[in-house]
């Protein structure tokens, strides 16, 4: 299990994106409880990310930007996800900073 830090603060946080690996999603909906602005359960029972325009993004590996005001909620979703399927990474170099593959 990877030990993760709290969400970073400062100007570097605007360039984060999040995606969900639906192959690992358990459909618990914890992510939706933490950040309904970013996550939504679909009729298939799996979680997906939503666009800035509240559109469900169902393409495999679809990403959406992490809004700075709810960054901690998205990070908490990744930490609490029982399926370890939420990945938060920097847009600039695609390095995962929170989630199962974070260093």
PDB file of N, CA and C in Angstrom:
ATOM      1  N   UNK A   1       0.846  -1.181   0.000  1.00  0.00           N
ATOM      2  CA  UNK A   1       0.000   0.000   0.000  1.00  0.00           C
ATOM      3  C   UNK A   1       0.890   1.242   0.000  1.00  0.00           C
ATOM      4  N   UNK A   2       0.571   2.203  -0.823  1.00  0.00           N
ATOM      5  CA  UNK A   2       1.356   3.415  -0.948  1.00  0.00           C
ATOM      6  C   UNK A   2       0.905   4.448   0.067  1.00  0.00           C
ATOM      7  N   UNK A   3       1.843   5.063   0.750  1.00  0.00           N
ATOM      8  CA  UNK A   3       1.528   6.149   1.673  1.00  0.00           C
ATOM      9  C   UNK A   3       1.457   7.423   0.855  1.00  0.00           C
ATOM     10  N   UNK A   4       0.375   8.163   1.016  1.00  0.00           N
ATOM     11  CA  UNK A   4       0.184   9.364   0.228  1.00  0.00           C
ATOM     12  C   UNK A   4       0.074  10.570   1.139  1.00  0.00           C
ATOM     13  N   UNK A   5       0.537  11.701   0.622  1.00  0.00           N
ATOM     14  CA  UNK A   5       0.474  12.941   1.370  1.00  0.00           C
ATOM     15  C   UNK A   5      -0.843  13.638   1.085  1.00  0.00           C
ATOM     16  N   UNK A   6      -1.122  14.660   1.908  1.00  0.00           N
ATOM     17  CA  UNK A   6      -2.298  15.477   1.630  1.00  0.00           C
ATOM     18  C   UNK A   6      -2.087  16.240   0.337  1.00  0.00           C
ATOM     19  N   UNK A   7      -3.162  16.785  -0.179  1.00  0.00           N
ATOM     20  CA  UNK A   7      -3.096  17.520  -1.434  1.00  0.00           C
ATOM     21  C   UNK A   7      -2.137  18.692  -1.318  1.00  0.00           C
ATOM     22  N   UNK A   8      -1.356  18.927  -2.370  1.00  0.00           N
ATOM     23  CA  UNK A   8      -0.429  20.049  -2.342  1.00  0.00           C
ATOM     24  C   UNK A   8      -1.177  21.369  -2.417  1.00  0.00           C
ATOM     25  N   UNK A   9      -0.524  22.407  -1.957  1.00  0.00           N
ATOM     26  CA  UNK A   9      -1.112  23.738  -2.077  1.00  0.00           C
ATOM     27  C   UNK A   9      -0.196  24.585  -2.939  1.00  0.00           C
ATOM     28  N   UNK A  10      -0.727  25.659  -3.460  1.00  0.00           N
ATOM     29  CA  UNK A  10       0.091  26.552  -4.276  1.00  0.00           C
ATOM     30  C   UNK A  10      -0.315  26.515  -5.731  1.00  0.00           C
ATOM     31  N   UNK A  11       0.450  27.200  -6.561  1.00  0.00           N
ATOM     32  CA  UNK A  11       0.076  27.387  -7.962  1.00  0.00           C
ATOM     33  C   UNK A  11       0.213  26.132  -8.798  1.00  0.00           C
ATOM     34  N   UNK A  12       0.945  25.111  -8.346  1.00  0.00           N
ATOM     35  CA  UNK A  12       1.141  23.915  -9.139  1.00  0.00           C
ATOM     36  C   UNK A  12      -0.057  22.992  -9.184  1.00  0.00           C
ATOM     37  N   UNK A  13      -1.090  23.283  -8.440  1.00  0.00           N
ATOM     38  CA  UNK A  13      -2.220  22.372  -8.356  1.00  0.00           C
ATOM     39  C   UNK A  13      -3.225  22.531  -9.486  1.00  0.00           C
ATOM     40  N   UNK A  14      -3.128  23.575 -10.289  1.00  0.00           N
ATOM     41  CA  UNK A  14      -4.109  23.772 -11.349  1.00  0.00           C
ATOM     42  C   UNK A  14      -3.916  22.809 -12.513  1.00  0.00           C
ATOM     43  N   UNK A  15      -2.768  22.164 -12.608  1.00  0.00           N
ATOM     44  CA  UNK A  15      -2.493  21.326 -13.763  1.00  0.00           C
ATOM     45  C   UNK A  15      -2.634  19.836 -13.447  1.00  0.00           C
ATOM     46  N   UNK A  16      -3.647  19.489 -12.658  1.00  0.00           N
ATOM     47  CA  UNK A  16      -3.900  18.092 -12.339  1.00  0.00           C
ATOM     48  C   UNK A  16      -5.144  17.600 -13.066  1.00  0.00           C
ATOM     49  N   UNK A  17      -5.107  16.326 -13.446  1.00  0.00           N
ATOM     50  CA  UNK A  17      -6.263  15.688 -14.055  1.00  0.00           C
ATOM     51  C   UNK A  17      -6.509  14.367 -13.346  1.00  0.00           C
ATOM     52  N   UNK A  18      -7.716  13.847 -13.486  1.00  0.00           N
ATOM     53  CA  UNK A  18      -8.087  12.609 -12.819  1.00  0.00           C
ATOM     54  C   UNK A  18      -8.759  11.688 -13.830  1.00  0.00           C
ATOM     55  N   UNK A  19      -8.533  10.388 -13.642  1.00  0.00           N
ATOM     56  CA  UNK A  19      -9.221   9.389 -14.459  1.00  0.00           C
ATOM     57  C   UNK A  19      -9.500   8.168 -13.597  1.00  0.00           C
ATOM     58  N   UNK A  20     -10.436   7.350 -14.049  1.00  0.00           N
ATOM     59  CA  UNK A  20     -10.838   6.147 -13.324  1.00  0.00           C
ATOM     60  C   UNK A  20     -10.610   4.934 -14.213  1.00  0.00           C
ATOM     61  N   UNK A  21     -10.012   3.909 -13.637  1.00  0.00           N
ATOM     62  CA  UNK A  21      -9.857   2.631 -14.325  1.00  0.00           C
ATOM     63  C   UNK A  21     -11.113   1.803 -14.026  1.00  0.00           C
ATOM     64  N   UNK A  22     -12.053   1.784 -14.967  1.00  0.00           N
ATOM     65  CA  UNK A  22     -13.322   1.089 -14.740  1.00  0.00           C
ATOM     66  C   UNK A  22     -13.132  -0.415 -14.560  1.00  0.00           C
ATOM     67  N   UNK A  23     -12.033  -0.983 -15.044  1.00  0.00           N
ATOM     68  CA  UNK A  23     -11.780  -2.410 -14.847  1.00  0.00           C
ATOM     69  C   UNK A  23     -11.602  -2.744 -13.369  1.00  0.00           C
ATOM     70  N   UNK A  24     -11.215  -1.764 -12.567  1.00  0.00           N
ATOM     71  CA  UNK A  24     -10.993  -1.974 -11.136  1.00  0.00           C
ATOM     72  C   UNK A  24     -12.093  -1.380 -10.259  1.00  0.00           C
ATOM     73  N   UNK A  25     -12.976  -0.598 -10.854  1.00  0.00           N
ATOM     74  CA  UNK A  25     -14.026   0.088 -10.098  1.00  0.00           C
ATOM     75  C   UNK A  25     -14.977  -0.921  -9.472  1.00  0.00           C
ATOM     76  N   UNK A  26     -15.252  -0.724  -8.182  1.00  0.00           N
ATOM     77  CA  UNK A  26     -16.173  -1.607  -7.460  1.00  0.00           C
ATOM     78  C   UNK A  26     -17.590  -1.036  -7.402  1.00  0.00           C
ATOM     79  N   UNK A  27     -17.762   0.200  -7.850  1.00  0.00           N
ATOM     80  CA  UNK A  27     -19.089   0.811  -7.861  1.00  0.00           C
ATOM     81  C   UNK A  27     -19.610   1.226  -6.502  1.00  0.00           C
ATOM     82  N   UNK A  28     -18.717   1.371  -5.525  1.00  0.00           N
ATOM     83  CA  UNK A  28     -19.140   1.765  -4.179  1.00  0.00           C
ATOM     84  C   UNK A  28     -19.684   3.189  -4.134  1.00  0.00           C
ATOM     85  N   UNK A  29     -19.229   4.047  -5.019  1.00  0.00           N
ATOM     86  CA  UNK A  29     -19.725   5.417  -5.071  1.00  0.00           C
ATOM     87  C   UNK A  29     -19.106   6.368  -4.065  1.00  0.00           C
ATOM     88  N   UNK A  30     -18.044   5.940  -3.414  1.00  0.00           N
ATOM     89  CA  UNK A  30     -17.377   6.823  -2.451  1.00  0.00           C
ATOM     90  C   UNK A  30     -16.878   8.087  -3.141  1.00  0.00           C
ATOM     91  N   UNK A  31     -16.371   7.936  -4.344  1.00  0.00           N
ATOM     92  CA  UNK A  31     -15.866   9.098  -5.078  1.00  0.00           C
ATOM     93  C   UNK A  31     -16.972  10.118  -5.329  1.00  0.00           C
ATOM     94  N   UNK A  32     -18.153   9.628  -5.642  1.00  0.00           N
ATOM     95  CA  UNK A  32     -19.291  10.525  -5.896  1.00  0.00           C
ATOM     96  C   UNK A  32     -19.684  11.261  -4.619  1.00  0.00           C
ATOM     97  N   UNK A  33     -19.582  10.581  -3.485  1.00  0.00           N
ATOM     98  CA  UNK A  33     -19.894  11.223  -2.214  1.00  0.00           C
ATOM     99  C   UNK A  33     -18.902  12.340  -1.907  1.00  0.00           C
ATOM    100  N   UNK A  34     -17.623  12.110  -2.201  1.00  0.00           N
ATOM    101  CA  UNK A  34     -16.597  13.118  -1.934  1.00  0.00           C
ATOM    102  C   UNK A  34     -16.631  14.270  -2.940  1.00  0.00           C
ATOM    103  N   UNK A  35     -16.755  13.955  -4.225  1.00  0.00           N
ATOM    104  CA  UNK A  35     -16.625  14.989  -5.259  1.00  0.00           C
ATOM    105  C   UNK A  35     -17.638  14.764  -6.386  1.00  0.00           C
ATOM    106  N   UNK A  36     -18.921  15.048  -6.134  1.00  0.00           N
ATOM    107  CA  UNK A  36     -19.926  14.849  -7.180  1.00  0.00           C
ATOM    108  C   UNK A  36     -19.750  15.771  -8.383  1.00  0.00           C
ATOM    109  N   UNK A  37     -18.950  16.823  -8.219  1.00  0.00           N
ATOM    110  CA  UNK A  37     -18.674  17.723  -9.341  1.00  0.00           C
ATOM    111  C   UNK A  37     -17.785  17.041 -10.388  1.00  0.00           C
ATOM    112  N   UNK A  38     -17.043  16.007  -9.969  1.00  0.00           N
ATOM    113  CA  UNK A  38     -16.062  15.360 -10.840  1.00  0.00           C
ATOM    114  C   UNK A  38     -16.448  13.928 -11.192  1.00  0.00           C
ATOM    115  N   UNK A  39     -17.120  13.226 -10.263  1.00  0.00           N
ATOM    116  CA  UNK A  39     -17.425  11.806 -10.445  1.00  0.00           C
ATOM    117  C   UNK A  39     -18.922  11.559 -10.499  1.00  0.00           C
ATOM    118  N   UNK A  40     -19.297  10.494 -11.243  1.00  0.00           N
ATOM    119  CA  UNK A  40     -20.702  10.097 -11.320  1.00  0.00           C
ATOM    120  C   UNK A  40     -20.777   8.602 -11.595  1.00  0.00           C
ATOM    121  N   UNK A  41     -21.762   7.939 -10.973  1.00  0.00           N
ATOM    122  CA  UNK A  41     -22.019   6.536 -11.279  1.00  0.00           C
ATOM    123  C   UNK A  41     -22.944   6.474 -12.489  1.00  0.00           C
ATOM    124  N   UNK A  42     -22.630   5.588 -13.431  1.00  0.00           N
ATOM    125  CA  UNK A  42     -23.458   5.414 -14.621  1.00  0.00           C
ATOM    126  C   UNK A  42     -24.419   4.244 -14.403  1.00  0.00           C
ATOM    127  N   UNK A  43     -25.279   3.993 -15.366  1.00  0.00           N
ATOM    128  CA  UNK A  43     -26.257   2.918 -15.234  1.00  0.00           C
ATOM    129  C   UNK A  43     -25.603   1.542 -15.146  1.00  0.00           C
ATOM    130  N   UNK A  44     -24.340   1.433 -15.579  1.00  0.00           N
ATOM    131  CA  UNK A  44     -23.631   0.161 -15.469  1.00  0.00           C
ATOM    132  C   UNK A  44     -23.096  -0.078 -14.055  1.00  0.00           C
ATOM    133  N   UNK A  45     -23.302   0.901 -13.146  1.00  0.00           N
ATOM    134  CA  UNK A  45     -22.870   0.765 -11.764  1.00  0.00           C
ATOM    135  C   UNK A  45     -21.433   1.159 -11.511  1.00  0.00           C
ATOM    136  N   UNK A  46     -20.745   1.657 -12.536  1.00  0.00           N
ATOM    137  CA  UNK A  46     -19.348   2.053 -12.402  1.00  0.00           C
ATOM    138  C   UNK A  46     -19.219   3.571 -12.377  1.00  0.00           C
ATOM    139  N   UNK A  47     -18.133   4.030 -11.771  1.00  0.00           N
ATOM    140  CA  UNK A  47     -17.881   5.466 -11.684  1.00  0.00           C
ATOM    141  C   UNK A  47     -17.113   5.952 -12.905  1.00  0.00           C
ATOM    142  N   UNK A  48     -17.408   7.174 -13.290  1.00  0.00           N
ATOM    143  CA  UNK A  48     -16.746   7.843 -14.407  1.00  0.00           C
ATOM    144  C   UNK A  48     -16.473   9.286 -14.005  1.00  0.00           C
ATOM    145  N   UNK A  49     -15.543   9.926 -14.715  1.00  0.00           N
ATOM    146  CA  UNK A  49     -15.307  11.348 -14.497  1.00  0.00           C
ATOM    147  C   UNK A  49     -16.246  12.142 -15.395  1.00  0.00           C
ATOM    148  N   UNK A  50     -16.438  13.408 -15.014  1.00  0.00           N
ATOM    149  CA  UNK A  50     -17.298  14.303 -15.782  1.00  0.00           C
ATOM    150  C   UNK A  50     -16.473  15.475 -16.299  1.00  0.00           C
ATOM    151  N   UNK A  51     -16.878  16.011 -17.417  1.00  0.00           N
ATOM    152  CA  UNK A  51     -16.222  17.181 -17.991  1.00  0.00           C
ATOM    153  C   UNK A  51     -16.605  18.432 -17.211  1.00  0.00           C
ATOM    154  N   UNK A  52     -15.958  19.538 -17.546  1.00  0.00           N
ATOM    155  CA  UNK A  52     -16.291  20.830 -16.934  1.00  0.00           C
ATOM    156  C   UNK A  52     -17.751  21.211 -17.199  1.00  0.00           C
ATOM    157  N   UNK A  53     -18.323  20.673 -18.288  1.00  0.00           N
ATOM    158  CA  UNK A  53     -19.707  20.975 -18.646  1.00  0.00           C
ATOM    159  C   UNK A  53     -20.676  19.932 -18.071  1.00  0.00           C
ATOM    160  N   UNK A  54     -20.201  19.120 -17.085  1.00  0.00           N
ATOM    161  CA  UNK A  54     -21.027  18.127 -16.395  1.00  0.00           C
ATOM    162  C   UNK A  54     -21.423  16.957 -17.289  1.00  0.00           C
ATOM    163  N   UNK A  55     -20.661  16.716 -18.360  1.00  0.00           N
ATOM    164  CA  UNK A  55     -20.918  15.609 -19.273  1.00  0.00           C
ATOM    165  C   UNK A  55     -20.156  14.371 -18.805  1.00  0.00           C
ATOM    166  N   UNK A  56     -20.827  13.238 -18.733  1.00  0.00           N
ATOM    167  CA  UNK A  56     -20.202  11.985 -18.334  1.00  0.00           C
ATOM    168  C   UNK A  56     -19.241  11.537 -19.428  1.00  0.00           C
ATOM    169  N   UNK A  57     -17.991  11.274 -19.057  1.00  0.00           N
ATOM    170  CA  UNK A  57     -16.959  10.864 -20.012  1.00  0.00           C
ATOM    171  C   UNK A  57     -16.755   9.361 -19.901  1.00  0.00           C
ATOM    172  N   UNK A  58     -17.283   8.623 -20.865  1.00  0.00           N
ATOM    173  CA  UNK A  58     -17.293   7.164 -20.783  1.00  0.00           C
ATOM    174  C   UNK A  58     -16.201   6.477 -21.594  1.00  0.00           C
ATOM    175  N   UNK A  59     -15.382   7.231 -22.310  1.00  0.00           N
ATOM    176  CA  UNK A  59     -14.297   6.619 -23.062  1.00  0.00           C
ATOM    177  C   UNK A  59     -13.252   6.077 -22.101  1.00  0.00           C
ATOM    178  N   UNK A  60     -12.685   4.942 -22.433  1.00  0.00           N
ATOM    179  CA  UNK A  60     -11.663   4.324 -21.596  1.00  0.00           C
ATOM    180  C   UNK A  60     -10.492   5.294 -21.416  1.00  0.00           C
ATOM    181  N   UNK A  61     -10.108   5.531 -20.166  1.00  0.00           N
ATOM    182  CA  UNK A  61      -8.998   6.424 -19.867  1.00  0.00           C
ATOM    183  C   UNK A  61      -9.316   7.904 -19.966  1.00  0.00           C
ATOM    184  N   UNK A  62     -10.598   8.246 -20.094  1.00  0.00           N
ATOM    185  CA  UNK A  62     -10.990   9.656 -20.189  1.00  0.00           C
ATOM    186  C   UNK A  62     -10.559  10.400 -18.930  1.00  0.00           C
ATOM    187  N   UNK A  63     -10.045  11.599 -19.124  1.00  0.00           N
ATOM    188  CA  UNK A  63      -9.582  12.417 -18.007  1.00  0.00           C
ATOM    189  C   UNK A  63     -10.371  13.716 -17.936  1.00  0.00           C
ATOM    190  N   UNK A  64     -10.330  14.328 -16.770  1.00  0.00           N
ATOM    191  CA  UNK A  64     -10.902  15.659 -16.590  1.00  0.00           C
ATOM    192  C   UNK A  64      -9.998  16.422 -15.638  1.00  0.00           C
ATOM    193  N   UNK A  65      -9.983  17.722 -15.775  1.00  0.00           N
ATOM    194  CA  UNK A  65      -9.177  18.567 -14.887  1.00  0.00           C
ATOM    195  C   UNK A  65      -9.748  18.536 -13.484  1.00  0.00           C
ATOM    196  N   UNK A  66      -8.853  18.620 -12.509  1.00  0.00           N
ATOM    197  CA  UNK A  66      -9.267  18.670 -11.110  1.00  0.00           C
ATOM    198  C   UNK A  66      -9.449  20.140 -10.733  1.00  0.00           C
ATOM    199  N   UNK A  67     -10.686  20.562 -10.435  1.00  0.00           N
ATOM    200  CA  UNK A  67     -10.896  21.949 -10.024  1.00  0.00           C
ATOM    201  C   UNK A  67     -10.185  22.216  -8.691  1.00  0.00           C
ATOM    202  N   UNK A  68      -9.414  23.266  -8.633  1.00  0.00           N
ATOM    203  CA  UNK A  68      -8.630  23.591  -7.447  1.00  0.00           C
ATOM    204  C   UNK A  68      -9.461  23.654  -6.166  1.00  0.00           C
ATOM    205  N   UNK A  69     -10.673  24.241  -6.176  1.00  0.00           N
ATOM    206  CA  UNK A  69     -11.435  24.323  -4.922  1.00  0.00           C
ATOM    207  C   UNK A  69     -11.809  22.959  -4.314  1.00  0.00           C
ATOM    208  N   UNK A  70     -11.850  21.903  -5.138  1.00  0.00           N
ATOM    209  CA  UNK A  70     -12.224  20.592  -4.595  1.00  0.00           C
ATOM    210  C   UNK A  70     -11.084  19.581  -4.719  1.00  0.00           C
ATOM    211  N   UNK A  71      -9.879  20.062  -4.840  1.00  0.00           N
ATOM    212  CA  UNK A  71      -8.718  19.183  -4.966  1.00  0.00           C
ATOM    213  C   UNK A  71      -8.647  18.192  -3.813  1.00  0.00           C
ATOM    214  N   UNK A  72      -8.810  18.642  -2.586  1.00  0.00           N
ATOM    215  CA  UNK A  72      -8.707  17.733  -1.439  1.00  0.00           C
ATOM    216  C   UNK A  72      -9.788  16.662  -1.500  1.00  0.00           C
ATOM    217  N   UNK A  73     -10.985  17.005  -1.978  1.00  0.00           N
ATOM    218  CA  UNK A  73     -12.060  16.017  -2.104  1.00  0.00           C
ATOM    219  C   UNK A  73     -11.691  14.929  -3.118  1.00  0.00           C
ATOM    220  N   UNK A  74     -11.079  15.332  -4.218  1.00  0.00           N
ATOM    221  CA  UNK A  74     -10.655  14.369  -5.241  1.00  0.00           C
ATOM    222  C   UNK A  74      -9.531  13.481  -4.698  1.00  0.00           C
ATOM    223  N   UNK A  75      -8.589  14.071  -3.979  1.00  0.00           N
ATOM    224  CA  UNK A  75      -7.500  13.307  -3.363  1.00  0.00           C
ATOM    225  C   UNK A  75      -8.060  12.322  -2.336  1.00  0.00           C
ATOM    226  N   UNK A  76      -9.007  12.768  -1.521  1.00  0.00           N
ATOM    227  CA  UNK A  76      -9.630  11.875  -0.543  1.00  0.00           C
ATOM    228  C   UNK A  76     -10.361  10.724  -1.240  1.00  0.00           C
ATOM    229  N   UNK A  77     -10.982  11.005  -2.379  1.00  0.00           N
ATOM    230  CA  UNK A  77     -11.640   9.951  -3.153  1.00  0.00           C
ATOM    231  C   UNK A  77     -10.632   8.887  -3.567  1.00  0.00           C
ATOM    232  N   UNK A  78      -9.487   9.333  -4.058  1.00  0.00           N
ATOM    233  CA  UNK A  78      -8.442   8.391  -4.486  1.00  0.00           C
ATOM    234  C   UNK A  78      -7.938   7.573  -3.299  1.00  0.00           C
ATOM    235  N   UNK A  79      -7.779   8.210  -2.159  1.00  0.00           N
ATOM    236  CA  UNK A  79      -7.278   7.517  -0.965  1.00  0.00           C
ATOM    237  C   UNK A  79      -8.275   6.493  -0.432  1.00  0.00           C
ATOM    238  N   UNK A  80      -9.558   6.820  -0.472  1.00  0.00           N
ATOM    239  CA  UNK A  80     -10.584   5.976   0.137  1.00  0.00           C
ATOM    240  C   UNK A  80     -11.195   4.953  -0.815  1.00  0.00           C
ATOM    241  N   UNK A  81     -10.893   5.035  -2.075  1.00  0.00           N
ATOM    242  CA  UNK A  81     -11.491   4.142  -3.074  1.00  0.00           C
ATOM    243  C   UNK A  81     -11.126   2.686  -2.786  1.00  0.00           C
ATOM    244  N   UNK A  82     -12.123   1.819  -2.554  1.00  0.00           N
ATOM    245  CA  UNK A  82     -11.824   0.416  -2.266  1.00  0.00           C
ATOM    246  C   UNK A  82     -11.255  -0.336  -3.468  1.00  0.00           C
ATOM    247  N   UNK A  83     -11.497   0.162  -4.669  1.00  0.00           N
ATOM    248  CA  UNK A  83     -10.983  -0.491  -5.867  1.00  0.00           C
ATOM    249  C   UNK A  83      -9.620   0.010  -6.308  1.00  0.00           C
ATOM    250  N   UNK A  84      -9.089   1.028  -5.596  1.00  0.00           N
ATOM    251  CA  UNK A  84      -7.812   1.645  -5.999  1.00  0.00           C
ATOM    252  C   UNK A  84      -7.799   1.938  -7.500  1.00  0.00           C
ATOM    253  N   UNK A  85      -8.849   2.587  -7.967  1.00  0.00           N
ATOM    254  CA  UNK A  85      -8.973   2.815  -9.408  1.00  0.00           C
ATOM    255  C   UNK A  85      -8.947   4.286  -9.803  1.00  0.00           C
ATOM    256  N   UNK A  86      -8.781   5.193  -8.849  1.00  0.00           N
ATOM    257  CA  UNK A  86      -8.776   6.628  -9.144  1.00  0.00           C
ATOM    258  C   UNK A  86      -7.339   7.109  -9.219  1.00  0.00           C
ATOM    259  N   UNK A  87      -7.014   7.738 -10.336  1.00  0.00           N
ATOM    260  CA  UNK A  87      -5.655   8.191 -10.605  1.00  0.00           C
ATOM    261  C   UNK A  87      -5.647   9.706 -10.810  1.00  0.00           C
ATOM    262  N   UNK A  88      -4.839  10.404 -10.038  1.00  0.00           N
ATOM    263  CA  UNK A  88      -4.673  11.852 -10.177  1.00  0.00           C
ATOM    264  C   UNK A  88      -3.243  12.096 -10.630  1.00  0.00           C
ATOM    265  N   UNK A  89      -3.095  12.791 -11.744  1.00  0.00           N
ATOM    266  CA  UNK A  89      -1.758  13.006 -12.282  1.00  0.00           C
ATOM    267  C   UNK A  89      -1.595  14.427 -12.793  1.00  0.00           C
ATOM    268  N   UNK A  90      -0.312  14.811 -12.907  1.00  0.00           N
ATOM    269  CA  UNK A  90      -0.009  16.123 -13.475  1.00  0.00           C
ATOM    270  C   UNK A  90      -0.267  16.077 -14.976  1.00  0.00           C
ATOM    271  N   UNK A  91      -0.829  17.136 -15.502  1.00  0.00           N
ATOM    272  CA  UNK A  91      -1.095  17.226 -16.929  1.00  0.00           C
ATOM    273  C   UNK A  91       0.217  17.345 -17.699  1.00  0.00           C
ATOM    274  N   UNK A  92       1.157  18.097 -17.156  1.00  0.00           N
ATOM    275  CA  UNK A  92       2.391  18.414 -17.883  1.00  0.00           C
ATOM    276  C   UNK A  92       3.220  17.186 -18.233  1.00  0.00           C
ATOM    277  N   UNK A  93       3.356  16.241 -17.315  1.00  0.00           N
ATOM    278  CA  UNK A  93       4.203  15.074 -17.584  1.00  0.00           C
ATOM    279  C   UNK A  93       3.500  13.748 -17.330  1.00  0.00           C
ATOM    280  N   UNK A  94       2.211  13.796 -16.985  1.00  0.00           N
ATOM    281  CA  UNK A  94       1.378  12.617 -16.769  1.00  0.00           C
ATOM    282  C   UNK A  94       1.896  11.717 -15.636  1.00  0.00           C
ATOM    283  N   UNK A  95       2.598  12.298 -14.691  1.00  0.00           N
ATOM    284  CA  UNK A  95       3.078  11.559 -13.525  1.00  0.00           C
ATOM    285  C   UNK A  95       1.962  11.540 -12.480  1.00  0.00           C
ATOM    286  N   UNK A  96       1.657  10.331 -11.999  1.00  0.00           N
ATOM    287  CA  UNK A  96       0.617  10.175 -10.995  1.00  0.00           C
ATOM    288  C   UNK A  96       1.111  10.686  -9.650  1.00  0.00           C
ATOM    289  N   UNK A  97       0.299  11.573  -9.054  1.00  0.00           N
ATOM    290  CA  UNK A  97       0.668  12.157  -7.756  1.00  0.00           C
ATOM    291  C   UNK A  97      -0.204  11.628  -6.623  1.00  0.00           C
ATOM    292  N   UNK A  98      -1.394  11.123  -6.936  1.00  0.00           N
ATOM    293  CA  UNK A  98      -2.265  10.480  -5.964  1.00  0.00           C
ATOM    294  C   UNK A  98      -2.939   9.302  -6.662  1.00  0.00           C
ATOM    295  N   UNK A  99      -3.067   8.211  -5.941  1.00  0.00           N
ATOM    296  CA  UNK A  99      -3.678   7.020  -6.504  1.00  0.00           C
ATOM    297  C   UNK A  99      -2.767   5.818  -6.350  1.00  0.00           C
ATOM    298  N   UNK A 100      -3.183   4.682  -6.893  1.00  0.00           N
ATOM    299  CA  UNK A 100      -2.444   3.447  -6.681  1.00  0.00           C
ATOM    300  C   UNK A 100      -1.054   3.403  -7.292  1.00  0.00           C
ATOM    301  N   UNK A 101      -0.790   4.210  -8.303  1.00  0.00           N
ATOM    302  CA  UNK A 101       0.520   4.197  -8.961  1.00  0.00           C
ATOM    303  C   UNK A 101       1.401   5.367  -8.553  1.00  0.00           C
ATOM    304  N   UNK A 102       0.976   6.137  -7.536  1.00  0.00           N
ATOM    305  CA  UNK A 102       1.764   7.295  -7.081  1.00  0.00           C
ATOM    306  C   UNK A 102       3.036   6.808  -6.395  1.00  0.00           C
ATOM    307  N   UNK A 103       4.104   7.548  -6.638  1.00  0.00           N
ATOM    308  CA  UNK A 103       5.400   7.168  -6.040  1.00  0.00           C
ATOM    309  C   UNK A 103       5.459   7.541  -4.576  1.00  0.00           C
TER     310      UNK A 103
END
